[in-house]
Amino acid sequence: MALVLCPECGEEALAQLVSCPSCDEPLVTSQKSDKTKNTWMILFSLVFIGGLGAATMCNMMGYTGWAMWLGMVGIASVAALLLNLNADR
């Protein structure tokens, strides 16, 4: 379990808490984790869009085997995105 320091009283508190149990001061959440989460969301979204576009193009050109695999990459990226979004809940 991660601990953070209260900016007001300096006491350690669990990172999941919204406010300090000693002084009720709101605890600051990590900006780095939010930025990392946004980066992963953008990456998985781009992989999904790219996989969907590539699968469509391959299907139009008659490469149905490739279209199937690229479609699976797109589906896997959506699953990873959903897992990443629910990781902090």
Protein backbone atom coordinates (compact mmCIF):
# COMPACT_ATOMS: atom_id res chain seq x y z
CA MET A 1 0.00 0.00 0.00
CA ALA A 2 1.36 3.36 -1.04
CA LEU A 3 1.71 6.13 1.49
CA VAL A 4 1.71 9.87 0.85
CA LEU A 5 2.58 12.78 3.10
CA CYS A 6 -0.07 15.29 4.08
CA PRO A 7 0.94 18.75 2.77
CA GLU A 8 -0.49 20.42 5.89
CA CYS A 9 0.59 18.33 8.91
CA GLY A 10 3.19 16.00 7.38
CA GLU A 11 1.52 12.80 8.60
CA GLU A 12 1.62 9.70 6.42
CA ALA A 13 -1.69 8.56 4.95
CA LEU A 14 -2.79 5.93 2.47
CA ALA A 15 -2.70 7.13 -1.14
CA GLN A 16 -6.30 5.98 -1.68
CA LEU A 17 -7.64 8.46 0.90
CA VAL A 18 -9.10 11.76 -0.24
CA SER A 19 -8.22 13.70 2.91
CA CYS A 20 -5.75 13.37 5.77
CA PRO A 21 -7.15 11.38 8.71
CA SER A 22 -5.35 13.69 11.19
CA CYS A 23 -6.23 17.18 9.93
CA ASP A 24 -8.82 16.60 7.14
CA GLU A 25 -6.62 18.45 4.63
CA PRO A 26 -7.22 17.23 1.04
CA LEU A 27 -4.41 14.97 -0.13
CA VAL A 28 -2.76 15.78 -3.43
CA THR A 29 -2.94 12.97 -5.99
CA SER A 30 0.01 12.14 -8.16
CA GLN A 31 0.09 14.08 -11.44
CA LYS A 32 2.57 11.60 -12.90
CA SER A 33 0.17 8.67 -12.70
CA ASP A 34 -2.56 10.71 -14.43
CA LYS A 35 -0.15 11.68 -17.20
CA THR A 36 0.97 8.06 -17.63
CA LYS A 37 -2.65 6.92 -17.75
CA ASN A 38 -3.45 9.50 -20.43
CA THR A 39 -0.42 8.40 -22.45
CA TRP A 40 -1.60 4.78 -22.36
CA MET A 41 -5.13 5.82 -23.34
CA ILE A 42 -3.80 7.69 -26.37
CA LEU A 43 -1.51 4.81 -27.34
CA PHE A 44 -4.23 2.16 -27.13
CA SER A 45 -6.67 4.40 -29.00
CA LEU A 46 -4.17 4.89 -31.82
CA VAL A 47 -3.45 1.16 -31.99
CA PHE A 48 -7.19 0.47 -32.17
CA ILE A 49 -7.80 3.03 -34.92
CA GLY A 50 -4.71 1.87 -36.83
CA GLY A 51 -5.66 -1.79 -36.48
CA LEU A 52 -9.21 -1.10 -37.59
CA GLY A 53 -8.06 0.92 -40.60
CA ALA A 54 -5.45 -1.63 -41.61
CA ALA A 55 -7.94 -4.49 -41.21
CA THR A 56 -10.41 -2.67 -43.43
CA MET A 57 -7.79 -2.03 -46.10
CA CYS A 58 -6.57 -5.65 -46.02
CA ASN A 59 -10.13 -6.92 -46.28
CA MET A 60 -10.80 -4.65 -49.27
CA MET A 61 -7.68 -5.97 -51.00
CA GLY A 62 -8.63 -9.60 -50.36
CA TYR A 63 -6.15 -10.35 -47.56
CA THR A 64 -8.77 -11.69 -45.17
CA GLY A 65 -6.24 -13.53 -43.00
CA TRP A 66 -4.35 -10.32 -42.33
CA ALA A 67 -7.62 -8.46 -41.75
CA MET A 68 -8.59 -10.98 -39.08
CA TRP A 69 -5.27 -10.63 -37.23
CA LEU A 70 -5.28 -6.84 -37.42
CA GLY A 71 -8.87 -6.78 -36.17
CA MET A 72 -7.79 -8.91 -33.22
CA VAL A 73 -5.01 -6.41 -32.47
CA GLY A 74 -7.65 -3.68 -32.39
CA ILE A 75 -9.87 -5.69 -30.05
CA ALA A 76 -6.90 -6.48 -27.79
CA SER A 77 -6.02 -2.79 -27.59
CA VAL A 78 -9.58 -1.93 -26.53
CA ALA A 79 -9.45 -4.64 -23.85
CA ALA A 80 -6.10 -3.30 -22.60
CA LEU A 81 -7.49 0.25 -22.60
CA LEU A 82 -10.51 -0.81 -20.53
CA LEU A 83 -8.31 -2.69 -18.08
CA ASN A 84 -6.04 0.34 -17.78
CA LEU A 85 -8.99 2.65 -17.14
CA ASN A 86 -10.33 0.39 -14.38
CA ALA A 87 -6.96 -0.25 -12.75
CA ASP A 88 -7.23 2.64 -10.28
CA ARG A 89 -10.85 2.05 -9.25
